[in-house]
C-alpha cells in the first residue's frame, strides 16, 4: 500500500506552483486552490480582491517513499522569490504571498530548518515566507486546474510559468518524472 502525504505551498500564482510540482516523480496529484483566509468556499474573484485573506496555493499529494518533503521544500525555495512580501514578479497582493502550510509537526520542523539553511545558502535579503499550520483548503475553479498543460501558448504561461518550469527541470533533473509517470 502506498504511503501518501500532503504538502501545501503558496509561492505566487498557483498556476506556476502547480506546473512546477506536476513534473516531479513521487508527486501523485497537484490541485490549485486557496488557503489561509477567513471566507468559506472563496471564488477566484473574491481571492483576487485581497479581502478574503486567502493565498493562492497548490496542494500536493506525494509518496514520501519516492520524494521527500525535504526535496519538495528545495523545489519550493528554488522556484520563487521568498524575499518579496506579497509579490512574485508582477503579481501583487496578499494572495500571492510566500507561505508553507504545514500538516504536522515534522513538516513544521523541516520547513523551519529549511528556511534557515536556504537563507544562508541562496538569499541575501530576509526570507518573508510564512510557516503556519494548514487550514481548510478550497480547490480553485476547474478552469484553474492543469492551467499550464491546457494553455501552453497563453502569454502568461510562456512569459512567467515556462521559465519557472524550465528552471526546475534543469536544477532538479534527478527528480523529474519519466513519461510513464505522468500525472493523469
N, C-alpha and C. Protein backbone atom coordinates (compact mmCIF):
# COMPACT_ATOMS: atom_id res chain seq x y z
N UNK A 1 0.84 -1.18 0.00
CA UNK A 1 0.00 0.00 0.00
C UNK A 1 0.88 1.25 0.00
N UNK A 2 0.53 2.20 -0.86
CA UNK A 2 1.31 3.42 -1.00
C UNK A 2 1.06 4.36 0.18
N UNK A 3 2.13 4.94 0.66
CA UNK A 3 2.06 5.95 1.71
C UNK A 3 1.88 7.31 1.03
N UNK A 4 0.82 8.04 1.38
CA UNK A 4 0.56 9.33 0.77
C UNK A 4 0.62 10.42 1.84
N UNK A 5 1.21 11.54 1.46
CA UNK A 5 1.23 12.71 2.32
C UNK A 5 0.81 13.93 1.50
N UNK A 6 0.51 15.01 2.21
CA UNK A 6 0.08 16.25 1.58
C UNK A 6 1.05 17.36 1.95
N UNK A 7 1.39 18.18 0.98
CA UNK A 7 2.14 19.42 1.20
C UNK A 7 1.32 20.54 0.59
N UNK A 8 1.34 21.71 1.22
CA UNK A 8 0.61 22.85 0.68
C UNK A 8 1.51 24.07 0.70
N UNK A 9 1.73 24.63 -0.50
CA UNK A 9 2.64 25.76 -0.67
C UNK A 9 1.96 26.89 -1.42
N UNK A 10 2.28 28.10 -1.00
CA UNK A 10 1.93 29.31 -1.74
C UNK A 10 3.21 29.98 -2.17
N UNK A 11 3.33 30.29 -3.45
CA UNK A 11 4.57 30.88 -3.98
C UNK A 11 4.24 31.76 -5.17
N UNK A 12 3.25 32.63 -5.00
CA UNK A 12 2.80 33.44 -6.13
C UNK A 12 1.59 32.78 -6.77
N UNK A 13 1.49 32.91 -8.06
CA UNK A 13 0.36 32.36 -8.80
C UNK A 13 0.32 30.84 -8.70
N UNK A 14 -0.84 30.29 -8.40
CA UNK A 14 -0.93 28.83 -8.24
C UNK A 14 -0.70 28.09 -9.55
N UNK A 15 -0.89 28.73 -10.67
CA UNK A 15 -0.60 28.06 -11.95
C UNK A 15 0.88 27.69 -12.04
N UNK A 16 1.75 28.58 -11.53
CA UNK A 16 3.19 28.32 -11.55
C UNK A 16 3.55 27.16 -10.63
N UNK A 17 3.02 27.20 -9.43
CA UNK A 17 3.34 26.16 -8.45
C UNK A 17 2.89 24.80 -8.98
N UNK A 18 1.66 24.76 -9.46
CA UNK A 18 1.11 23.52 -9.99
C UNK A 18 1.99 22.96 -11.11
N UNK A 19 2.36 23.81 -12.07
CA UNK A 19 3.13 23.36 -13.22
C UNK A 19 4.50 22.83 -12.82
N UNK A 20 5.15 23.47 -11.86
CA UNK A 20 6.46 23.02 -11.40
C UNK A 20 6.37 21.66 -10.72
N UNK A 21 5.44 21.51 -9.80
CA UNK A 21 5.38 20.28 -8.99
C UNK A 21 4.79 19.10 -9.74
N UNK A 22 4.00 19.33 -10.77
CA UNK A 22 3.46 18.21 -11.55
C UNK A 22 4.55 17.42 -12.24
N UNK A 23 5.71 17.99 -12.44
CA UNK A 23 6.81 17.33 -13.14
C UNK A 23 7.63 16.38 -12.28
N UNK A 24 7.39 16.37 -10.99
CA UNK A 24 8.28 15.63 -10.08
C UNK A 24 7.80 14.21 -9.83
N UNK A 25 8.76 13.27 -9.89
CA UNK A 25 8.42 11.88 -9.58
C UNK A 25 8.01 11.79 -8.12
N UNK A 26 7.06 10.93 -7.84
CA UNK A 26 6.55 10.79 -6.49
C UNK A 26 5.40 11.73 -6.19
N UNK A 27 5.18 12.72 -7.06
CA UNK A 27 4.03 13.60 -6.91
C UNK A 27 2.85 12.92 -7.58
N UNK A 28 1.82 12.65 -6.81
CA UNK A 28 0.67 11.89 -7.29
C UNK A 28 -0.44 12.79 -7.83
N UNK A 29 -0.58 13.97 -7.25
CA UNK A 29 -1.61 14.91 -7.70
C UNK A 29 -1.23 16.31 -7.22
N UNK A 30 -1.61 17.30 -7.99
CA UNK A 30 -1.43 18.70 -7.61
C UNK A 30 -2.74 19.42 -7.92
N UNK A 31 -3.27 20.11 -6.92
CA UNK A 31 -4.53 20.83 -7.08
C UNK A 31 -4.30 22.30 -6.72
N UNK A 32 -4.67 23.19 -7.63
CA UNK A 32 -4.62 24.62 -7.35
C UNK A 32 -5.80 25.00 -6.48
N UNK A 33 -5.56 25.91 -5.53
CA UNK A 33 -6.65 26.32 -4.67
C UNK A 33 -6.29 27.48 -3.78
N UNK A 34 -7.06 27.60 -2.71
CA UNK A 34 -6.95 28.73 -1.79
C UNK A 34 -6.88 28.22 -0.35
N UNK A 35 -6.08 28.91 0.47
CA UNK A 35 -5.99 28.55 1.88
C UNK A 35 -5.51 29.76 2.66
N UNK A 36 -5.78 29.74 3.95
CA UNK A 36 -5.26 30.76 4.85
C UNK A 36 -6.13 31.98 5.05
N UNK A 37 -7.36 31.92 4.59
CA UNK A 37 -8.23 33.08 4.71
C UNK A 37 -9.43 32.84 5.60
N UNK A 38 -10.32 33.81 5.62
CA UNK A 38 -11.47 33.75 6.52
C UNK A 38 -12.79 33.50 5.82
N UNK A 39 -12.81 33.44 4.49
CA UNK A 39 -14.05 33.25 3.74
C UNK A 39 -14.17 31.78 3.33
N UNK A 40 -15.33 31.19 3.60
CA UNK A 40 -15.56 29.80 3.20
C UNK A 40 -15.88 29.75 1.70
N UNK A 41 -15.34 28.72 1.04
CA UNK A 41 -15.58 28.48 -0.38
C UNK A 41 -15.38 29.74 -1.24
N UNK A 42 -14.21 30.36 -1.14
CA UNK A 42 -13.99 31.59 -1.89
C UNK A 42 -13.90 31.34 -3.40
N UNK A 43 -14.24 32.34 -4.15
CA UNK A 43 -14.08 32.30 -5.60
C UNK A 43 -12.77 32.99 -5.96
N UNK A 44 -12.32 32.77 -7.16
CA UNK A 44 -11.11 33.42 -7.65
C UNK A 44 -11.25 34.94 -7.56
N UNK A 45 -12.38 35.45 -7.99
CA UNK A 45 -12.62 36.90 -7.96
C UNK A 45 -12.53 37.43 -6.53
N UNK A 46 -13.11 36.70 -5.57
CA UNK A 46 -13.04 37.13 -4.17
C UNK A 46 -11.61 37.12 -3.65
N UNK A 47 -10.86 36.06 -3.97
CA UNK A 47 -9.48 35.97 -3.51
C UNK A 47 -8.65 37.09 -4.13
N UNK A 48 -8.86 37.38 -5.41
CA UNK A 48 -8.11 38.45 -6.09
C UNK A 48 -8.41 39.83 -5.51
N UNK A 49 -9.54 39.98 -4.84
CA UNK A 49 -9.87 41.27 -4.23
C UNK A 49 -8.93 41.59 -3.08
N UNK A 50 -8.29 40.55 -2.54
CA UNK A 50 -7.41 40.72 -1.39
C UNK A 50 -8.14 40.81 -0.06
N UNK A 51 -9.46 40.65 -0.10
CA UNK A 51 -10.25 40.84 1.12
C UNK A 51 -10.55 39.53 1.86
N UNK A 52 -10.25 38.38 1.26
CA UNK A 52 -10.58 37.11 1.90
C UNK A 52 -9.48 36.62 2.84
N UNK A 53 -8.26 37.10 2.63
CA UNK A 53 -7.12 36.62 3.42
C UNK A 53 -6.49 35.35 2.87
N UNK A 54 -7.09 34.77 1.84
CA UNK A 54 -6.55 33.53 1.27
C UNK A 54 -5.32 33.79 0.40
N UNK A 55 -4.47 32.79 0.34
CA UNK A 55 -3.36 32.76 -0.59
C UNK A 55 -3.69 31.78 -1.70
N UNK A 56 -3.19 32.07 -2.90
CA UNK A 56 -3.24 31.06 -3.96
C UNK A 56 -2.18 30.02 -3.60
N UNK A 57 -2.59 28.76 -3.56
CA UNK A 57 -1.69 27.68 -3.16
C UNK A 57 -1.86 26.49 -4.09
N UNK A 58 -0.92 25.59 -3.98
CA UNK A 58 -1.06 24.27 -4.61
C UNK A 58 -0.99 23.24 -3.50
N UNK A 59 -1.94 22.32 -3.51
CA UNK A 59 -1.91 21.21 -2.57
C UNK A 59 -1.36 20.01 -3.33
N UNK A 60 -0.28 19.46 -2.79
CA UNK A 60 0.49 18.43 -3.47
C UNK A 60 0.36 17.12 -2.71
N UNK A 61 -0.16 16.10 -3.37
CA UNK A 61 -0.20 14.76 -2.79
C UNK A 61 1.03 14.03 -3.30
N UNK A 62 1.81 13.48 -2.38
CA UNK A 62 3.06 12.85 -2.79
C UNK A 62 3.33 11.57 -2.00
N UNK A 63 4.17 10.74 -2.60
CA UNK A 63 4.61 9.50 -1.98
C UNK A 63 5.98 9.74 -1.36
N UNK A 64 6.08 9.80 -0.03
CA UNK A 64 7.36 10.10 0.61
C UNK A 64 8.41 9.00 0.43
N UNK A 65 8.00 7.85 -0.07
CA UNK A 65 8.98 6.80 -0.38
C UNK A 65 9.72 7.12 -1.68
N UNK A 66 9.15 8.01 -2.49
CA UNK A 66 9.74 8.37 -3.78
C UNK A 66 10.36 9.77 -3.74
N UNK A 67 9.66 10.72 -3.13
CA UNK A 67 10.15 12.08 -3.00
C UNK A 67 9.84 12.56 -1.58
N UNK A 68 10.83 13.13 -0.94
CA UNK A 68 10.65 13.54 0.46
C UNK A 68 10.07 14.95 0.53
N UNK A 69 9.50 15.25 1.67
CA UNK A 69 9.01 16.61 1.93
C UNK A 69 10.17 17.59 1.82
N UNK A 70 11.32 17.17 2.28
CA UNK A 70 12.53 17.99 2.20
C UNK A 70 12.86 18.35 0.75
N UNK A 71 12.75 17.38 -0.14
CA UNK A 71 13.00 17.64 -1.57
C UNK A 71 11.95 18.59 -2.15
N UNK A 72 10.71 18.44 -1.73
CA UNK A 72 9.67 19.36 -2.18
C UNK A 72 9.99 20.78 -1.72
N UNK A 73 10.48 20.92 -0.49
CA UNK A 73 10.87 22.23 0.01
C UNK A 73 12.00 22.84 -0.82
N UNK A 74 12.96 22.03 -1.21
CA UNK A 74 14.07 22.52 -2.04
C UNK A 74 13.54 23.11 -3.35
N UNK A 75 12.60 22.41 -3.96
CA UNK A 75 12.00 22.91 -5.21
C UNK A 75 11.22 24.19 -4.92
N UNK A 76 10.44 24.20 -3.85
CA UNK A 76 9.69 25.39 -3.45
C UNK A 76 10.60 26.61 -3.33
N UNK A 77 11.69 26.48 -2.58
CA UNK A 77 12.59 27.61 -2.35
C UNK A 77 13.27 28.07 -3.63
N UNK A 78 13.50 27.16 -4.53
CA UNK A 78 14.28 27.48 -5.73
C UNK A 78 13.46 28.03 -6.88
N UNK A 79 12.14 27.96 -6.79
CA UNK A 79 11.33 28.34 -7.94
C UNK A 79 10.46 29.58 -7.69
N UNK A 80 10.75 30.30 -6.62
CA UNK A 80 10.11 31.59 -6.40
C UNK A 80 11.03 32.43 -5.52
N UNK A 81 10.68 33.69 -5.34
CA UNK A 81 11.48 34.59 -4.53
C UNK A 81 10.82 34.75 -3.16
N UNK A 82 11.34 34.08 -2.13
CA UNK A 82 10.73 34.15 -0.81
C UNK A 82 11.10 35.40 -0.02
N UNK A 83 11.75 36.36 -0.69
CA UNK A 83 12.16 37.59 -0.01
C UNK A 83 11.25 38.77 -0.36
N UNK A 84 10.28 38.56 -1.23
CA UNK A 84 9.39 39.65 -1.61
C UNK A 84 8.04 39.46 -0.92
N UNK A 85 7.63 40.44 -0.17
CA UNK A 85 6.39 40.36 0.60
C UNK A 85 5.18 40.57 -0.30
N UNK A 86 4.29 39.57 -0.31
CA UNK A 86 3.02 39.67 -1.05
C UNK A 86 3.23 39.98 -2.53
N UNK A 87 4.27 39.37 -3.12
CA UNK A 87 4.54 39.67 -4.52
C UNK A 87 5.44 38.59 -5.12
N UNK A 88 5.14 38.25 -6.36
CA UNK A 88 6.03 37.45 -7.20
C UNK A 88 5.98 38.09 -8.58
N UNK A 89 7.07 38.69 -8.98
CA UNK A 89 7.09 39.38 -10.27
C UNK A 89 6.05 40.48 -10.30
N UNK A 90 5.22 40.47 -11.34
CA UNK A 90 4.17 41.48 -11.48
C UNK A 90 2.90 41.13 -10.70
N UNK A 91 2.83 39.92 -10.17
CA UNK A 91 1.67 39.52 -9.37
C UNK A 91 1.83 40.08 -7.96
N UNK A 92 0.88 40.95 -7.58
CA UNK A 92 0.99 41.62 -6.28
C UNK A 92 -0.30 41.47 -5.49
N UNK A 93 -0.15 41.33 -4.19
CA UNK A 93 -1.29 41.21 -3.28
C UNK A 93 -1.05 40.08 -2.31
N UNK A 94 -1.80 40.09 -1.21
CA UNK A 94 -1.60 39.07 -0.18
C UNK A 94 -1.88 37.67 -0.70
N UNK A 95 -2.69 37.54 -1.75
CA UNK A 95 -2.99 36.23 -2.30
C UNK A 95 -1.76 35.60 -2.96
N UNK A 96 -0.72 36.39 -3.22
CA UNK A 96 0.50 35.89 -3.85
C UNK A 96 1.64 35.72 -2.86
N UNK A 97 1.34 35.72 -1.57
CA UNK A 97 2.39 35.63 -0.56
C UNK A 97 3.07 34.27 -0.59
N UNK A 98 4.28 34.27 -0.09
CA UNK A 98 5.06 33.04 0.06
C UNK A 98 4.67 32.42 1.39
N UNK A 99 4.16 31.17 1.34
CA UNK A 99 3.67 30.55 2.57
C UNK A 99 3.80 29.03 2.48
N UNK A 100 4.16 28.45 3.60
CA UNK A 100 4.16 26.99 3.75
C UNK A 100 3.10 26.67 4.79
N UNK A 101 2.10 25.90 4.39
CA UNK A 101 1.08 25.42 5.32
C UNK A 101 1.50 24.00 5.72
N UNK A 102 1.99 23.84 6.94
CA UNK A 102 2.45 22.51 7.36
C UNK A 102 1.28 21.69 7.89
N UNK A 103 1.37 20.37 7.66
CA UNK A 103 0.29 19.45 8.02
C UNK A 103 0.56 18.64 9.28
N UNK A 104 1.79 18.72 9.78
CA UNK A 104 2.11 18.03 11.04
C UNK A 104 3.39 18.64 11.60
N UNK A 105 3.77 18.19 12.80
CA UNK A 105 4.95 18.75 13.46
C UNK A 105 6.24 18.47 12.70
N UNK A 106 6.31 17.32 12.03
CA UNK A 106 7.50 17.00 11.23
C UNK A 106 7.67 17.99 10.08
N UNK A 107 6.55 18.30 9.38
CA UNK A 107 6.63 19.27 8.29
C UNK A 107 7.01 20.65 8.83
N UNK A 108 6.45 21.03 9.98
CA UNK A 108 6.79 22.32 10.56
C UNK A 108 8.30 22.39 10.84
N UNK A 109 8.83 21.35 11.46
CA UNK A 109 10.26 21.32 11.80
C UNK A 109 11.12 21.37 10.55
N UNK A 110 10.76 20.59 9.54
CA UNK A 110 11.50 20.60 8.27
C UNK A 110 11.46 21.97 7.61
N UNK A 111 10.29 22.60 7.60
CA UNK A 111 10.14 23.92 6.98
C UNK A 111 10.98 24.95 7.71
N UNK A 112 10.94 24.94 9.03
CA UNK A 112 11.71 25.91 9.82
C UNK A 112 13.21 25.70 9.63
N UNK A 113 13.63 24.47 9.59
CA UNK A 113 15.05 24.17 9.37
C UNK A 113 15.47 24.60 7.97
N UNK A 114 14.62 24.33 6.99
CA UNK A 114 14.99 24.65 5.61
C UNK A 114 15.05 26.15 5.36
N UNK A 115 14.21 26.93 6.03
CA UNK A 115 14.25 28.38 5.82
C UNK A 115 15.58 28.95 6.30
N UNK A 116 16.11 28.44 7.38
CA UNK A 116 17.40 28.91 7.87
C UNK A 116 18.52 28.51 6.91
N UNK A 117 18.47 27.28 6.43
CA UNK A 117 19.51 26.80 5.51
C UNK A 117 19.47 27.55 4.19
N UNK A 118 18.28 27.77 3.66
CA UNK A 118 18.15 28.42 2.36
C UNK A 118 18.55 29.88 2.46
N UNK A 119 18.24 30.51 3.57
CA UNK A 119 18.62 31.92 3.77
C UNK A 119 20.14 32.07 3.75
N UNK A 120 20.83 31.13 4.35
CA UNK A 120 22.29 31.18 4.39
C UNK A 120 22.91 30.86 3.04
N UNK A 121 22.26 29.99 2.27
CA UNK A 121 22.84 29.47 1.04
C UNK A 121 22.52 30.30 -0.20
N UNK A 122 21.31 30.82 -0.29
CA UNK A 122 20.88 31.42 -1.56
C UNK A 122 20.55 32.90 -1.46
N UNK A 123 19.81 33.32 -0.46
CA UNK A 123 19.23 34.65 -0.45
C UNK A 123 19.98 35.61 0.46
N UNK A 124 20.24 36.81 -0.03
CA UNK A 124 20.87 37.85 0.78
C UNK A 124 19.84 38.62 1.60
N UNK A 125 18.64 38.82 1.02
CA UNK A 125 17.58 39.54 1.72
C UNK A 125 16.84 38.60 2.68
N UNK A 126 16.19 39.16 3.69
CA UNK A 126 15.46 38.32 4.66
C UNK A 126 14.32 37.53 3.99
N UNK A 127 14.12 36.31 4.43
CA UNK A 127 13.03 35.46 3.97
C UNK A 127 11.75 35.94 4.66
N UNK A 128 10.68 36.16 3.88
CA UNK A 128 9.40 36.62 4.43
C UNK A 128 8.34 35.52 4.38
N UNK A 129 8.71 34.33 4.01
CA UNK A 129 7.77 33.21 3.90
C UNK A 129 7.12 32.91 5.24
N UNK A 130 5.80 32.81 5.23
CA UNK A 130 5.07 32.40 6.43
C UNK A 130 5.15 30.88 6.56
N UNK A 131 5.30 30.39 7.77
CA UNK A 131 5.23 28.96 8.06
C UNK A 131 4.14 28.81 9.10
N UNK A 132 2.99 28.31 8.66
CA UNK A 132 1.81 28.30 9.51
C UNK A 132 1.08 26.95 9.39
N UNK A 133 0.26 26.60 10.39
CA UNK A 133 -0.48 25.34 10.32
C UNK A 133 -1.43 25.34 9.11
N UNK A 134 -1.59 24.16 8.53
CA UNK A 134 -2.52 24.01 7.41
C UNK A 134 -3.93 24.34 7.86
N UNK A 135 -4.62 25.04 7.00
CA UNK A 135 -6.01 25.39 7.24
C UNK A 135 -6.86 24.72 6.17
N UNK A 136 -8.13 25.02 6.18
CA UNK A 136 -9.02 24.45 5.17
C UNK A 136 -8.51 24.81 3.78
N UNK A 137 -8.44 23.83 2.93
CA UNK A 137 -8.03 24.02 1.53
C UNK A 137 -9.28 24.00 0.67
N UNK A 138 -9.41 25.00 -0.17
CA UNK A 138 -10.53 25.08 -1.10
C UNK A 138 -9.99 24.96 -2.52
N UNK A 139 -10.33 23.90 -3.24
CA UNK A 139 -9.87 23.79 -4.63
C UNK A 139 -10.38 24.98 -5.45
N UNK A 140 -9.54 25.46 -6.33
CA UNK A 140 -9.93 26.54 -7.24
C UNK A 140 -10.90 25.99 -8.29
N UNK A 141 -11.50 26.91 -8.99
CA UNK A 141 -12.43 26.55 -10.06
C UNK A 141 -11.74 25.65 -11.09
N UNK A 142 -12.53 24.83 -11.77
CA UNK A 142 -11.98 23.84 -12.71
C UNK A 142 -11.07 24.45 -13.77
N UNK A 143 -11.39 25.64 -14.25
CA UNK A 143 -10.57 26.22 -15.32
C UNK A 143 -9.16 26.60 -14.84
N UNK A 144 -8.93 26.61 -13.52
CA UNK A 144 -7.59 26.87 -13.00
C UNK A 144 -6.75 25.60 -12.89
N UNK A 145 -7.38 24.44 -12.94
CA UNK A 145 -6.65 23.17 -12.78
C UNK A 145 -5.92 22.84 -14.08
N UNK A 146 -4.69 22.36 -13.95
CA UNK A 146 -3.86 21.98 -15.11
C UNK A 146 -3.74 23.14 -16.09
N UNK A 147 -3.67 24.35 -15.58
CA UNK A 147 -3.72 25.52 -16.44
C UNK A 147 -2.58 25.56 -17.45
N UNK A 148 -1.37 25.32 -17.01
CA UNK A 148 -0.22 25.35 -17.91
C UNK A 148 -0.30 24.25 -18.96
N UNK A 149 -0.70 23.06 -18.55
CA UNK A 149 -0.85 21.95 -19.51
C UNK A 149 -1.91 22.27 -20.56
N UNK A 150 -2.99 22.93 -20.13
CA UNK A 150 -4.10 23.20 -21.03
C UNK A 150 -3.95 24.48 -21.84
N UNK A 151 -3.01 25.35 -21.46
CA UNK A 151 -2.87 26.65 -22.11
C UNK A 151 -1.40 27.01 -22.35
N UNK A 152 -0.60 26.11 -22.93
CA UNK A 152 0.84 26.35 -23.03
C UNK A 152 1.22 27.56 -23.88
N UNK A 153 0.34 28.00 -24.78
CA UNK A 153 0.68 29.14 -25.63
C UNK A 153 0.16 30.47 -25.09
N UNK A 154 -0.56 30.43 -23.98
CA UNK A 154 -1.03 31.65 -23.32
C UNK A 154 0.17 32.52 -22.99
N UNK A 155 0.04 33.84 -23.13
CA UNK A 155 1.16 34.75 -22.89
C UNK A 155 1.74 34.64 -21.50
N UNK A 156 0.90 34.55 -20.48
CA UNK A 156 1.37 34.42 -19.10
C UNK A 156 2.13 33.09 -18.95
N UNK A 157 1.62 32.05 -19.55
CA UNK A 157 2.28 30.74 -19.46
C UNK A 157 3.67 30.80 -20.08
N UNK A 158 3.77 31.42 -21.25
CA UNK A 158 5.07 31.49 -21.94
C UNK A 158 6.05 32.41 -21.19
N UNK A 159 5.55 33.53 -20.70
CA UNK A 159 6.44 34.54 -20.11
C UNK A 159 6.79 34.27 -18.65
N UNK A 160 5.87 33.68 -17.88
CA UNK A 160 6.07 33.53 -16.43
C UNK A 160 6.23 32.08 -16.00
N UNK A 161 5.31 31.23 -16.43
CA UNK A 161 5.33 29.84 -15.95
C UNK A 161 6.43 29.03 -16.61
N UNK A 162 6.56 29.14 -17.93
CA UNK A 162 7.54 28.33 -18.65
C UNK A 162 8.96 28.51 -18.11
N UNK A 163 9.42 29.75 -17.83
CA UNK A 163 10.78 29.88 -17.27
C UNK A 163 10.94 29.18 -15.91
N UNK A 164 9.90 29.21 -15.07
CA UNK A 164 9.98 28.53 -13.78
C UNK A 164 10.03 27.01 -13.97
N UNK A 165 9.21 26.50 -14.88
CA UNK A 165 9.21 25.06 -15.16
C UNK A 165 10.57 24.65 -15.71
N UNK A 166 11.11 25.42 -16.65
CA UNK A 166 12.42 25.10 -17.22
C UNK A 166 13.53 25.15 -16.18
N UNK A 167 13.46 26.13 -15.28
CA UNK A 167 14.46 26.21 -14.21
C UNK A 167 14.39 24.97 -13.32
N UNK A 168 13.18 24.58 -12.96
CA UNK A 168 13.02 23.39 -12.11
C UNK A 168 13.49 22.13 -12.83
N UNK A 169 13.17 22.02 -14.11
CA UNK A 169 13.61 20.85 -14.87
C UNK A 169 15.13 20.78 -14.95
N UNK A 170 15.77 21.91 -15.11
CA UNK A 170 17.22 21.96 -15.19
C UNK A 170 17.87 21.69 -13.84
N UNK A 171 17.40 22.38 -12.81
CA UNK A 171 18.01 22.29 -11.49
C UNK A 171 17.70 20.99 -10.77
N UNK A 172 16.54 20.39 -11.08
CA UNK A 172 16.11 19.19 -10.37
C UNK A 172 15.86 18.03 -11.34
N UNK A 173 16.71 17.90 -12.33
CA UNK A 173 16.55 16.84 -13.33
C UNK A 173 16.47 15.46 -12.69
N UNK A 174 17.17 15.27 -11.60
CA UNK A 174 17.17 13.97 -10.91
C UNK A 174 15.83 13.65 -10.25
N UNK A 175 14.94 14.65 -10.13
CA UNK A 175 13.64 14.43 -9.50
C UNK A 175 12.49 14.37 -10.51
N UNK A 176 12.80 14.48 -11.78
CA UNK A 176 11.73 14.54 -12.80
C UNK A 176 11.13 13.18 -13.09
N UNK A 177 9.84 13.23 -13.40
CA UNK A 177 9.13 12.03 -13.82
C UNK A 177 9.59 11.62 -15.21
N UNK A 178 9.48 10.34 -15.46
CA UNK A 178 9.63 9.87 -16.83
C UNK A 178 8.26 10.01 -17.49
N UNK A 179 8.17 9.85 -18.79
CA UNK A 179 6.89 9.96 -19.48
C UNK A 179 5.86 8.98 -18.92
N UNK A 180 6.30 7.83 -18.47
CA UNK A 180 5.40 6.81 -17.94
C UNK A 180 4.80 7.22 -16.60
N UNK A 181 5.43 8.18 -15.92
CA UNK A 181 4.97 8.60 -14.59
C UNK A 181 4.01 9.79 -14.62
N UNK A 182 3.66 10.28 -15.78
CA UNK A 182 2.85 11.50 -15.88
C UNK A 182 1.60 11.45 -15.01
N UNK A 183 1.28 12.59 -14.39
CA UNK A 183 0.03 12.73 -13.64
C UNK A 183 -1.11 12.73 -14.64
N UNK A 184 -2.14 12.01 -14.33
CA UNK A 184 -3.31 11.97 -15.20
C UNK A 184 -4.11 13.22 -15.06
